[in-house]
Amino acid sequence: MSNDVTKDPSPKSDIVEDVYLWRRKKLAFSILSVSTATWVLLNFYGFNSITIVSWIGIAVVSMVFLWGSLLRLLSKVEPELSGLEVSEEFVAETVRSCRMLMEETVRWMFRVGAESEWFVFARTILGLWILSRIGSLLDFHTFLFTGLVMGLTVPKLLEKYGDQINKQLANVKERSKGAYDTTHKKILMMKNKLQHGTAEKVKKSD
């Protein structure tokens, strides 16, 4: 008698994560190409968003019209459009990924503010201040495009060189902590000397 072993289905891949890590290279390249073209049109040629969306719509509708006309002309078969629907799986996975990103961002903010040491807090504040200064020098479209490019490059670089980066950050953290401890000890020694000198002066005056 044979025993049927039911295996759990493999977990569904995270679509957003796959795009960021270039596991779906065609989709990631398409997003990057469209975003780059849109940014160039907006910033160098002075078009607005409505014009670009209209042009994209015109191009898509024209290509679909030519494709459908060729199919009807050559094979007399109507185009199959059932595969163009957006699946519930894709929508649910995208919403889940966005929710996880927002939750992780909130946890990170509270962790930095409430649990981390002073140099982590200072480094975070400095990074956010630099980001605010960069944002004040860029328009909204350029800021979004820069964020998208970083989102499509930084995670892949971290995946590839994450161990080396973590080692360097650990070394910087140790050196910073050592410098802080040394400075703190010197300040305590100076404080003790000042207190001792003041006490000596009081005794002599008495």
N, C-alpha and C. Protein backbone atom coordinates (compact mmCIF):
# COMPACT_ATOMS: atom_id res chain seq x y z
N MET A 1 0.85 -1.18 0.00
CA MET A 1 0.00 0.00 0.00
C MET A 1 0.89 1.24 0.00
N SER A 2 0.74 2.06 -0.96
CA SER A 2 1.60 3.24 -1.10
C SER A 2 1.08 4.37 -0.25
N ASN A 3 2.00 5.04 0.35
CA ASN A 3 1.65 6.20 1.17
C ASN A 3 1.82 7.46 0.35
N ASP A 4 0.75 8.22 0.22
CA ASP A 4 0.81 9.49 -0.51
C ASP A 4 1.25 10.59 0.45
N VAL A 5 2.37 11.20 0.13
CA VAL A 5 2.90 12.27 0.96
C VAL A 5 2.52 13.60 0.33
N THR A 6 1.76 14.37 1.03
CA THR A 6 1.34 15.68 0.52
C THR A 6 2.34 16.72 0.97
N LYS A 7 2.91 17.37 0.04
CA LYS A 7 3.88 18.40 0.33
C LYS A 7 3.22 19.77 0.31
N ASP A 8 3.66 20.59 1.22
CA ASP A 8 3.15 21.96 1.24
C ASP A 8 3.62 22.69 0.01
N PRO A 9 2.76 23.46 -0.58
CA PRO A 9 3.20 24.24 -1.75
C PRO A 9 4.27 25.22 -1.37
N SER A 10 5.15 25.50 -2.30
CA SER A 10 6.23 26.44 -2.05
C SER A 10 5.66 27.83 -1.84
N PRO A 11 6.23 28.59 -0.95
CA PRO A 11 5.72 29.94 -0.69
C PRO A 11 5.79 30.81 -1.92
N LYS A 12 4.78 31.61 -2.08
CA LYS A 12 4.72 32.49 -3.25
C LYS A 12 5.78 33.58 -3.13
N SER A 13 6.41 33.86 -4.23
CA SER A 13 7.48 34.85 -4.23
C SER A 13 6.89 36.25 -4.06
N ASP A 14 7.62 37.08 -3.40
CA ASP A 14 7.25 38.48 -3.20
C ASP A 14 7.59 39.24 -4.47
N ILE A 15 6.56 39.75 -5.15
CA ILE A 15 6.76 40.39 -6.45
C ILE A 15 7.60 41.65 -6.32
N VAL A 16 7.27 42.48 -5.32
CA VAL A 16 8.02 43.72 -5.14
C VAL A 16 9.47 43.43 -4.80
N GLU A 17 9.69 42.45 -3.93
CA GLU A 17 11.07 42.08 -3.57
C GLU A 17 11.82 41.54 -4.78
N ASP A 18 11.13 40.75 -5.61
CA ASP A 18 11.77 40.21 -6.81
C ASP A 18 12.19 41.33 -7.77
N VAL A 19 11.36 42.37 -7.85
CA VAL A 19 11.71 43.50 -8.72
C VAL A 19 12.91 44.25 -8.16
N TYR A 20 12.89 44.53 -6.85
CA TYR A 20 13.99 45.28 -6.24
C TYR A 20 15.31 44.53 -6.33
N LEU A 21 15.26 43.21 -6.22
CA LEU A 21 16.48 42.41 -6.26
C LEU A 21 16.80 41.90 -7.66
N TRP A 22 16.07 42.37 -8.67
CA TRP A 22 16.32 42.04 -10.07
C TRP A 22 16.22 40.53 -10.33
N ARG A 23 15.33 39.86 -9.60
CA ARG A 23 15.06 38.46 -9.91
C ARG A 23 14.13 38.36 -11.12
N ARG A 24 13.31 39.38 -11.31
CA ARG A 24 12.50 39.50 -12.52
C ARG A 24 13.10 40.63 -13.33
N LYS A 25 14.11 40.29 -14.10
CA LYS A 25 14.92 41.31 -14.76
C LYS A 25 14.12 42.10 -15.79
N LYS A 26 13.26 41.43 -16.55
CA LYS A 26 12.50 42.13 -17.58
C LYS A 26 11.58 43.18 -16.96
N LEU A 27 10.87 42.80 -15.89
CA LEU A 27 9.95 43.73 -15.25
C LEU A 27 10.72 44.88 -14.61
N ALA A 28 11.82 44.59 -13.94
CA ALA A 28 12.63 45.64 -13.31
C ALA A 28 13.20 46.59 -14.36
N PHE A 29 13.70 46.02 -15.46
CA PHE A 29 14.25 46.86 -16.53
C PHE A 29 13.17 47.71 -17.18
N SER A 30 11.97 47.16 -17.35
CA SER A 30 10.86 47.93 -17.93
C SER A 30 10.49 49.11 -17.03
N ILE A 31 10.40 48.86 -15.71
CA ILE A 31 10.06 49.94 -14.77
C ILE A 31 11.13 51.02 -14.80
N LEU A 32 12.39 50.61 -14.80
CA LEU A 32 13.48 51.58 -14.82
C LEU A 32 13.49 52.37 -16.12
N SER A 33 13.23 51.71 -17.25
CA SER A 33 13.25 52.38 -18.55
C SER A 33 12.11 53.40 -18.66
N VAL A 34 10.91 52.99 -18.27
CA VAL A 34 9.76 53.90 -18.34
C VAL A 34 9.96 55.09 -17.39
N SER A 35 10.48 54.81 -16.20
CA SER A 35 10.71 55.90 -15.24
C SER A 35 11.76 56.88 -15.75
N THR A 36 12.83 56.35 -16.35
CA THR A 36 13.88 57.22 -16.89
C THR A 36 13.35 58.07 -18.03
N ALA A 37 12.59 57.45 -18.95
CA ALA A 37 12.03 58.21 -20.07
C ALA A 37 11.07 59.29 -19.58
N THR A 38 10.24 58.95 -18.58
CA THR A 38 9.30 59.93 -18.03
C THR A 38 10.04 61.09 -17.38
N TRP A 39 11.09 60.78 -16.62
CA TRP A 39 11.86 61.84 -15.96
C TRP A 39 12.54 62.75 -16.98
N VAL A 40 13.08 62.17 -18.04
CA VAL A 40 13.73 62.98 -19.08
C VAL A 40 12.72 63.91 -19.75
N LEU A 41 11.54 63.38 -20.07
CA LEU A 41 10.52 64.20 -20.71
C LEU A 41 10.03 65.32 -19.80
N LEU A 42 9.92 65.02 -18.50
CA LEU A 42 9.41 66.02 -17.57
C LEU A 42 10.43 67.13 -17.31
N ASN A 43 11.71 66.76 -17.18
CA ASN A 43 12.70 67.73 -16.72
C ASN A 43 13.47 68.39 -17.86
N PHE A 44 13.70 67.69 -18.95
CA PHE A 44 14.51 68.27 -20.02
C PHE A 44 13.66 68.86 -21.15
N TYR A 45 12.47 68.33 -21.35
CA TYR A 45 11.63 68.80 -22.45
C TYR A 45 10.40 69.56 -21.98
N GLY A 46 10.21 69.64 -20.66
CA GLY A 46 9.17 70.50 -20.12
C GLY A 46 7.76 69.99 -20.28
N PHE A 47 7.57 68.70 -20.53
CA PHE A 47 6.21 68.16 -20.61
C PHE A 47 5.64 68.00 -19.20
N ASN A 48 4.30 67.95 -19.13
CA ASN A 48 3.68 67.67 -17.85
C ASN A 48 3.17 66.23 -17.80
N SER A 49 2.72 65.81 -16.64
CA SER A 49 2.34 64.41 -16.44
C SER A 49 1.16 63.98 -17.31
N ILE A 50 0.19 64.88 -17.48
CA ILE A 50 -0.99 64.52 -18.28
C ILE A 50 -0.59 64.27 -19.73
N THR A 51 0.31 65.08 -20.27
CA THR A 51 0.77 64.88 -21.65
C THR A 51 1.45 63.52 -21.81
N ILE A 52 2.32 63.17 -20.87
CA ILE A 52 3.04 61.90 -20.97
C ILE A 52 2.09 60.72 -20.85
N VAL A 53 1.16 60.79 -19.89
CA VAL A 53 0.18 59.70 -19.74
C VAL A 53 -0.66 59.56 -21.01
N SER A 54 -1.04 60.69 -21.61
CA SER A 54 -1.83 60.64 -22.84
C SER A 54 -1.04 60.00 -23.97
N TRP A 55 0.24 60.38 -24.10
CA TRP A 55 1.07 59.79 -25.15
C TRP A 55 1.24 58.29 -24.95
N ILE A 56 1.44 57.87 -23.70
CA ILE A 56 1.58 56.43 -23.43
C ILE A 56 0.28 55.71 -23.79
N GLY A 57 -0.86 56.33 -23.44
CA GLY A 57 -2.14 55.73 -23.80
C GLY A 57 -2.32 55.62 -25.31
N ILE A 58 -1.93 56.66 -26.02
CA ILE A 58 -2.03 56.65 -27.49
C ILE A 58 -1.16 55.53 -28.07
N ALA A 59 0.07 55.40 -27.56
CA ALA A 59 0.98 54.37 -28.06
C ALA A 59 0.44 52.97 -27.80
N VAL A 60 -0.06 52.75 -26.57
CA VAL A 60 -0.56 51.42 -26.22
C VAL A 60 -1.78 51.07 -27.06
N VAL A 61 -2.74 51.99 -27.15
CA VAL A 61 -3.97 51.73 -27.92
C VAL A 61 -3.64 51.50 -29.39
N SER A 62 -2.70 52.27 -29.94
CA SER A 62 -2.33 52.12 -31.36
C SER A 62 -1.68 50.76 -31.61
N MET A 63 -0.78 50.33 -30.72
CA MET A 63 -0.14 49.03 -30.91
C MET A 63 -1.13 47.89 -30.78
N VAL A 64 -2.05 48.00 -29.82
CA VAL A 64 -3.07 46.95 -29.66
C VAL A 64 -3.99 46.92 -30.87
N PHE A 65 -4.33 48.10 -31.41
CA PHE A 65 -5.19 48.15 -32.60
C PHE A 65 -4.50 47.48 -33.79
N LEU A 66 -3.21 47.79 -34.01
CA LEU A 66 -2.48 47.16 -35.11
C LEU A 66 -2.35 45.66 -34.91
N TRP A 67 -2.08 45.24 -33.68
CA TRP A 67 -1.95 43.82 -33.38
C TRP A 67 -3.26 43.08 -33.65
N GLY A 68 -4.40 43.65 -33.17
CA GLY A 68 -5.70 43.03 -33.41
C GLY A 68 -6.06 43.00 -34.89
N SER A 69 -5.74 44.06 -35.60
CA SER A 69 -6.05 44.10 -37.03
C SER A 69 -5.25 43.07 -37.80
N LEU A 70 -3.97 42.89 -37.47
CA LEU A 70 -3.15 41.88 -38.14
C LEU A 70 -3.66 40.48 -37.85
N LEU A 71 -4.07 40.22 -36.59
CA LEU A 71 -4.60 38.90 -36.26
C LEU A 71 -5.86 38.60 -37.05
N ARG A 72 -6.75 39.58 -37.13
CA ARG A 72 -8.00 39.36 -37.87
C ARG A 72 -7.74 39.22 -39.36
N LEU A 73 -6.73 39.95 -39.88
CA LEU A 73 -6.43 39.91 -41.30
C LEU A 73 -5.78 38.59 -41.71
N LEU A 74 -4.89 38.09 -40.84
CA LEU A 74 -4.13 36.89 -41.21
C LEU A 74 -4.84 35.60 -40.83
N SER A 75 -5.44 35.54 -39.64
CA SER A 75 -6.01 34.28 -39.19
C SER A 75 -7.50 34.34 -38.90
N LYS A 76 -8.08 35.53 -39.01
CA LYS A 76 -9.50 35.71 -38.74
C LYS A 76 -9.88 35.23 -37.34
N VAL A 77 -8.99 35.43 -36.39
CA VAL A 77 -9.22 35.04 -35.00
C VAL A 77 -9.20 36.31 -34.14
N GLU A 78 -10.19 36.43 -33.29
CA GLU A 78 -10.23 37.59 -32.42
C GLU A 78 -9.09 37.53 -31.41
N PRO A 79 -8.50 38.66 -31.04
CA PRO A 79 -7.42 38.66 -30.05
C PRO A 79 -7.89 38.11 -28.71
N GLU A 80 -7.03 37.35 -28.06
CA GLU A 80 -7.33 36.78 -26.75
C GLU A 80 -6.91 37.77 -25.68
N LEU A 81 -7.89 38.26 -24.91
CA LEU A 81 -7.62 39.30 -23.92
C LEU A 81 -7.79 38.80 -22.49
N SER A 82 -8.00 37.50 -22.32
CA SER A 82 -8.23 36.99 -20.96
C SER A 82 -6.99 37.11 -20.08
N GLY A 83 -5.81 37.10 -20.69
CA GLY A 83 -4.58 37.15 -19.89
C GLY A 83 -4.18 38.54 -19.46
N LEU A 84 -4.97 39.57 -19.82
CA LEU A 84 -4.61 40.94 -19.48
C LEU A 84 -5.18 41.40 -18.14
N GLU A 85 -5.92 40.53 -17.46
CA GLU A 85 -6.49 40.93 -16.19
C GLU A 85 -5.42 40.96 -15.10
N VAL A 86 -5.61 41.85 -14.14
CA VAL A 86 -4.71 41.93 -12.99
C VAL A 86 -5.19 40.94 -11.94
N SER A 87 -4.37 39.98 -11.62
CA SER A 87 -4.77 38.91 -10.72
C SER A 87 -4.90 39.43 -9.29
N GLU A 88 -5.78 38.78 -8.52
CA GLU A 88 -5.93 39.13 -7.11
C GLU A 88 -4.65 38.83 -6.34
N GLU A 89 -3.93 37.81 -6.78
CA GLU A 89 -2.67 37.46 -6.12
C GLU A 89 -1.67 38.61 -6.23
N PHE A 90 -1.57 39.22 -7.43
CA PHE A 90 -0.64 40.32 -7.63
C PHE A 90 -1.01 41.52 -6.76
N VAL A 91 -2.31 41.86 -6.73
CA VAL A 91 -2.76 43.00 -5.93
C VAL A 91 -2.53 42.74 -4.44
N ALA A 92 -2.89 41.52 -3.97
CA ALA A 92 -2.72 41.20 -2.55
C ALA A 92 -1.25 41.20 -2.17
N GLU A 93 -0.38 40.68 -3.05
CA GLU A 93 1.05 40.64 -2.76
C GLU A 93 1.65 42.04 -2.72
N THR A 94 1.20 42.91 -3.63
CA THR A 94 1.70 44.28 -3.65
C THR A 94 1.27 45.04 -2.40
N VAL A 95 0.00 44.89 -2.02
CA VAL A 95 -0.50 45.56 -0.81
C VAL A 95 0.22 45.02 0.42
N ARG A 96 0.44 43.72 0.47
CA ARG A 96 1.13 43.12 1.63
C ARG A 96 2.56 43.64 1.72
N SER A 97 3.23 43.75 0.60
CA SER A 97 4.60 44.25 0.61
C SER A 97 4.67 45.70 1.07
N CYS A 98 3.73 46.53 0.59
CA CYS A 98 3.69 47.93 1.03
C CYS A 98 3.40 48.04 2.52
N ARG A 99 2.48 47.20 3.01
CA ARG A 99 2.16 47.22 4.44
C ARG A 99 3.36 46.81 5.28
N MET A 100 4.06 45.76 4.83
CA MET A 100 5.25 45.31 5.56
C MET A 100 6.34 46.38 5.56
N LEU A 101 6.48 47.09 4.44
CA LEU A 101 7.48 48.16 4.36
C LEU A 101 7.14 49.30 5.32
N MET A 102 5.85 49.68 5.39
CA MET A 102 5.43 50.73 6.30
C MET A 102 5.62 50.32 7.75
N GLU A 103 5.25 49.07 8.08
CA GLU A 103 5.41 48.59 9.45
C GLU A 103 6.88 48.55 9.84
N GLU A 104 7.73 48.08 8.93
CA GLU A 104 9.16 48.01 9.22
C GLU A 104 9.76 49.40 9.40
N THR A 105 9.27 50.37 8.61
CA THR A 105 9.75 51.74 8.75
C THR A 105 9.37 52.32 10.11
N VAL A 106 8.12 52.08 10.55
CA VAL A 106 7.68 52.57 11.86
C VAL A 106 8.48 51.90 12.97
N ARG A 107 8.69 50.58 12.87
CA ARG A 107 9.47 49.88 13.90
C ARG A 107 10.89 50.42 13.95
N TRP A 108 11.47 50.68 12.79
CA TRP A 108 12.83 51.19 12.73
C TRP A 108 12.93 52.56 13.39
N MET A 109 11.95 53.43 13.15
CA MET A 109 11.97 54.76 13.74
C MET A 109 11.89 54.69 15.26
N PHE A 110 10.99 53.84 15.79
CA PHE A 110 10.88 53.72 17.23
C PHE A 110 12.09 53.02 17.83
N ARG A 111 12.65 52.07 17.09
CA ARG A 111 13.83 51.37 17.59
C ARG A 111 15.02 52.31 17.69
N VAL A 112 15.19 53.17 16.68
CA VAL A 112 16.28 54.14 16.70
C VAL A 112 16.08 55.16 17.81
N GLY A 113 14.82 55.61 17.98
CA GLY A 113 14.56 56.64 18.98
C GLY A 113 14.58 56.15 20.41
N ALA A 114 14.15 54.90 20.64
CA ALA A 114 13.97 54.43 22.01
C ALA A 114 15.03 53.44 22.48
N GLU A 115 15.62 52.67 21.56
CA GLU A 115 16.48 51.58 21.98
C GLU A 115 17.94 51.76 21.60
N SER A 116 18.24 52.46 20.52
CA SER A 116 19.60 52.50 20.01
C SER A 116 20.48 53.41 20.86
N GLU A 117 21.79 53.30 20.65
CA GLU A 117 22.75 54.13 21.36
C GLU A 117 22.86 55.48 20.67
N TRP A 118 23.60 56.36 21.31
CA TRP A 118 23.60 57.75 20.87
C TRP A 118 24.14 57.91 19.46
N PHE A 119 25.18 57.12 19.09
CA PHE A 119 25.78 57.33 17.78
C PHE A 119 24.85 56.84 16.66
N VAL A 120 24.01 55.82 16.95
CA VAL A 120 23.01 55.40 15.96
C VAL A 120 21.96 56.50 15.77
N PHE A 121 21.54 57.08 16.89
CA PHE A 121 20.58 58.19 16.83
C PHE A 121 21.15 59.38 16.07
N ALA A 122 22.40 59.75 16.40
CA ALA A 122 23.03 60.89 15.73
C ALA A 122 23.22 60.62 14.24
N ARG A 123 23.62 59.40 13.89
CA ARG A 123 23.81 59.07 12.49
C ARG A 123 22.48 59.11 11.73
N THR A 124 21.40 58.66 12.37
CA THR A 124 20.09 58.68 11.72
C THR A 124 19.61 60.11 11.50
N ILE A 125 19.76 60.95 12.53
CA ILE A 125 19.35 62.35 12.40
C ILE A 125 20.16 63.04 11.31
N LEU A 126 21.46 62.77 11.26
CA LEU A 126 22.31 63.37 10.23
C LEU A 126 21.87 62.92 8.84
N GLY A 127 21.59 61.63 8.68
CA GLY A 127 21.14 61.13 7.39
C GLY A 127 19.82 61.74 6.95
N LEU A 128 18.86 61.87 7.88
CA LEU A 128 17.57 62.48 7.54
C LEU A 128 17.74 63.96 7.22
N TRP A 129 18.65 64.64 7.91
CA TRP A 129 18.88 66.06 7.62
C TRP A 129 19.49 66.22 6.23
N ILE A 130 20.46 65.36 5.90
CA ILE A 130 21.05 65.41 4.56
C ILE A 130 19.99 65.14 3.49
N LEU A 131 19.09 64.17 3.78
CA LEU A 131 18.01 63.86 2.85
C LEU A 131 17.08 65.05 2.66
N SER A 132 16.80 65.77 3.75
CA SER A 132 15.94 66.95 3.64
C SER A 132 16.61 68.06 2.83
N ARG A 133 17.93 68.21 2.98
CA ARG A 133 18.64 69.20 2.20
C ARG A 133 18.65 68.83 0.71
N ILE A 134 18.85 67.54 0.44
CA ILE A 134 18.82 67.10 -0.96
C ILE A 134 17.43 67.32 -1.55
N GLY A 135 16.38 67.01 -0.75
CA GLY A 135 15.02 67.19 -1.23
C GLY A 135 14.68 68.64 -1.52
N SER A 136 15.28 69.57 -0.76
CA SER A 136 15.02 70.99 -1.01
C SER A 136 15.66 71.48 -2.29
N LEU A 137 16.66 70.75 -2.79
CA LEU A 137 17.34 71.14 -4.02
C LEU A 137 16.74 70.48 -5.27
N LEU A 138 15.84 69.51 -5.09
CA LEU A 138 15.28 68.76 -6.21
C LEU A 138 13.78 69.00 -6.29
N ASP A 139 13.23 68.86 -7.49
CA ASP A 139 11.79 68.89 -7.63
C ASP A 139 11.21 67.52 -7.30
N PHE A 140 9.89 67.44 -7.25
CA PHE A 140 9.23 66.22 -6.78
C PHE A 140 9.49 65.05 -7.72
N HIS A 141 9.45 65.29 -9.04
CA HIS A 141 9.66 64.20 -9.99
C HIS A 141 11.09 63.65 -9.89
N THR A 142 12.06 64.56 -9.76
CA THR A 142 13.45 64.10 -9.63
C THR A 142 13.65 63.34 -8.34
N PHE A 143 13.00 63.80 -7.27
CA PHE A 143 13.10 63.11 -5.98
C PHE A 143 12.53 61.70 -6.08
N LEU A 144 11.36 61.56 -6.72
CA LEU A 144 10.77 60.23 -6.89
C LEU A 144 11.64 59.34 -7.77
N PHE A 145 12.17 59.91 -8.84
CA PHE A 145 13.01 59.13 -9.74
C PHE A 145 14.29 58.68 -9.03
N THR A 146 14.89 59.57 -8.25
CA THR A 146 16.09 59.20 -7.50
C THR A 146 15.80 58.08 -6.51
N GLY A 147 14.65 58.19 -5.83
CA GLY A 147 14.26 57.13 -4.90
C GLY A 147 14.04 55.80 -5.59
N LEU A 148 13.44 55.84 -6.79
CA LEU A 148 13.21 54.61 -7.53
C LEU A 148 14.53 53.98 -7.97
N VAL A 149 15.44 54.81 -8.47
CA VAL A 149 16.75 54.28 -8.89
C VAL A 149 17.50 53.68 -7.71
N MET A 150 17.46 54.36 -6.57
CA MET A 150 18.10 53.81 -5.38
C MET A 150 17.44 52.51 -4.94
N GLY A 151 16.10 52.47 -5.07
CA GLY A 151 15.40 51.25 -4.70
C GLY A 151 15.73 50.07 -5.60
N LEU A 152 16.09 50.35 -6.85
CA LEU A 152 16.43 49.28 -7.78
C LEU A 152 17.92 48.95 -7.80
N THR A 153 18.72 49.71 -7.06
CA THR A 153 20.16 49.45 -7.05
C THR A 153 20.69 49.07 -5.67
N VAL A 154 20.26 49.82 -4.63
CA VAL A 154 20.80 49.59 -3.29
C VAL A 154 20.48 48.18 -2.76
N PRO A 155 19.22 47.69 -2.85
CA PRO A 155 18.98 46.33 -2.34
C PRO A 155 19.82 45.26 -3.03
N LYS A 156 20.02 45.40 -4.34
CA LYS A 156 20.85 44.42 -5.06
C LYS A 156 22.29 44.50 -4.60
N LEU A 157 22.80 45.72 -4.40
CA LEU A 157 24.18 45.87 -3.91
C LEU A 157 24.33 45.32 -2.49
N LEU A 158 23.30 45.54 -1.65
CA LEU A 158 23.35 45.00 -0.30
C LEU A 158 23.31 43.48 -0.30
N GLU A 159 22.51 42.92 -1.21
CA GLU A 159 22.45 41.46 -1.29
C GLU A 159 23.80 40.88 -1.73
N LYS A 160 24.49 41.60 -2.61
CA LYS A 160 25.75 41.09 -3.15
C LYS A 160 26.93 41.38 -2.24
N TYR A 161 26.96 42.59 -1.66
CA TYR A 161 28.11 43.00 -0.85
C TYR A 161 27.71 43.26 0.60
N GLY A 162 26.61 42.68 1.06
CA GLY A 162 26.11 42.96 2.40
C GLY A 162 27.08 42.58 3.50
N ASP A 163 27.75 41.44 3.37
CA ASP A 163 28.69 41.00 4.41
C ASP A 163 29.85 41.98 4.55
N GLN A 164 30.41 42.41 3.42
CA GLN A 164 31.52 43.36 3.49
C GLN A 164 31.08 44.69 4.10
N ILE A 165 29.88 45.16 3.71
CA ILE A 165 29.39 46.43 4.26
C ILE A 165 29.15 46.32 5.76
N ASN A 166 28.58 45.18 6.20
CA ASN A 166 28.34 44.99 7.63
C ASN A 166 29.64 44.97 8.42
N LYS A 167 30.67 44.36 7.86
CA LYS A 167 31.97 44.35 8.54
C LYS A 167 32.53 45.76 8.68
N GLN A 168 32.43 46.54 7.60
CA GLN A 168 32.93 47.92 7.66
C GLN A 168 32.14 48.76 8.66
N LEU A 169 30.80 48.58 8.68
CA LEU A 169 29.98 49.31 9.63
C LEU A 169 30.29 48.90 11.06
N ALA A 170 30.54 47.60 11.27
CA ALA A 170 30.90 47.13 12.62
C ALA A 170 32.22 47.75 13.07
N ASN A 171 33.19 47.86 12.14
CA ASN A 171 34.47 48.48 12.49
C ASN A 171 34.29 49.96 12.83
N VAL A 172 33.48 50.66 12.02
CA VAL A 172 33.22 52.08 12.30
C VAL A 172 32.52 52.24 13.64
N LYS A 173 31.58 51.34 13.93
CA LYS A 173 30.86 51.41 15.20
C LYS A 173 31.80 51.20 16.38
N GLU A 174 32.70 50.23 16.26
CA GLU A 174 33.65 49.97 17.33
C GLU A 174 34.58 51.16 17.54
N ARG A 175 35.07 51.74 16.43
CA ARG A 175 35.96 52.90 16.56
C ARG A 175 35.22 54.09 17.17
N SER A 176 33.97 54.30 16.76
CA SER A 176 33.19 55.41 17.32
C SER A 176 32.95 55.21 18.81
N LYS A 177 32.62 53.97 19.16
CA LYS A 177 32.38 53.69 20.57
C LYS A 177 33.66 53.86 21.38
N GLY A 178 34.80 53.42 20.82
CA GLY A 178 36.07 53.60 21.51
C GLY A 178 36.42 55.06 21.69
N ALA A 179 36.19 55.86 20.64
CA ALA A 179 36.46 57.30 20.75
C ALA A 179 35.55 57.94 21.78
N TYR A 180 34.29 57.52 21.82
CA TYR A 180 33.35 58.07 22.81
C TYR A 180 33.79 57.71 24.23
N ASP A 181 34.19 56.45 24.45
CA ASP A 181 34.63 56.03 25.79
C ASP A 181 35.88 56.80 26.22
N THR A 182 36.82 56.97 25.28
CA THR A 182 38.05 57.71 25.60
C THR A 182 37.73 59.15 25.97
N THR A 183 36.87 59.81 25.16
CA THR A 183 36.49 61.20 25.43
C THR A 183 35.76 61.31 26.76
N HIS A 184 34.88 60.34 27.03
CA HIS A 184 34.13 60.35 28.29
C HIS A 184 35.06 60.22 29.49
N LYS A 185 36.06 59.34 29.39
CA LYS A 185 37.02 59.18 30.48
C LYS A 185 37.83 60.45 30.71
N LYS A 186 38.25 61.10 29.62
CA LYS A 186 39.01 62.34 29.76
C LYS A 186 38.17 63.43 30.42
N ILE A 187 36.90 63.50 30.03
CA ILE A 187 36.02 64.51 30.64
C ILE A 187 35.85 64.24 32.13
N LEU A 188 35.68 62.96 32.51
CA LEU A 188 35.55 62.62 33.93
C LEU A 188 36.83 62.96 34.69
N MET A 189 38.01 62.69 34.07
CA MET A 189 39.27 63.01 34.74
C MET A 189 39.41 64.52 34.93
N MET A 190 39.08 65.30 33.91
CA MET A 190 39.14 66.75 34.04
C MET A 190 38.17 67.25 35.10
N LYS A 191 36.99 66.64 35.15
CA LYS A 191 36.00 67.05 36.15
C LYS A 191 36.50 66.75 37.55
N ASN A 192 37.11 65.55 37.73
CA ASN A 192 37.65 65.20 39.05
C ASN A 192 38.79 66.14 39.46
N LYS A 193 39.67 66.48 38.49
CA LYS A 193 40.76 67.40 38.79
C LYS A 193 40.23 68.77 39.21
N LEU A 194 39.22 69.26 38.48
CA LEU A 194 38.65 70.55 38.83
C LEU A 194 38.02 70.53 40.21
N GLN A 195 37.27 69.44 40.50
CA GLN A 195 36.65 69.34 41.81
C GLN A 195 37.71 69.25 42.91
N HIS A 196 38.80 68.47 42.63
CA HIS A 196 39.87 68.34 43.61
C HIS A 196 40.58 69.68 43.82
N GLY A 197 40.85 70.41 42.72
CA GLY A 197 41.49 71.72 42.84
C GLY A 197 40.63 72.70 43.59
N THR A 198 39.32 72.69 43.36
CA THR A 198 38.41 73.58 44.08
C THR A 198 38.40 73.26 45.56
N ALA A 199 38.39 71.96 45.87
CA ALA A 199 38.40 71.56 47.28
C ALA A 199 39.68 72.01 47.96
N GLU A 200 40.81 71.88 47.29
CA GLU A 200 42.09 72.30 47.85
C GLU A 200 42.10 73.82 48.12
N LYS A 201 41.55 74.59 47.19
CA LYS A 201 41.50 76.04 47.36
C LYS A 201 40.62 76.40 48.55
N VAL A 202 39.52 75.69 48.71
CA VAL A 202 38.63 75.98 49.85
C VAL A 202 39.33 75.70 51.16
N LYS A 203 40.10 74.57 51.23
CA LYS A 203 40.82 74.23 52.45
C LYS A 203 41.88 75.27 52.78
N LYS A 204 42.62 75.76 51.76
CA LYS A 204 43.66 76.74 51.99
C LYS A 204 43.06 78.07 52.46
N SER A 205 41.92 78.43 51.89
CA SER A 205 41.29 79.68 52.29
C SER A 205 40.78 79.61 53.72
N ASP A 206 40.39 78.42 54.18
CA ASP A 206 39.94 78.25 55.57
C ASP A 206 41.14 78.34 56.52
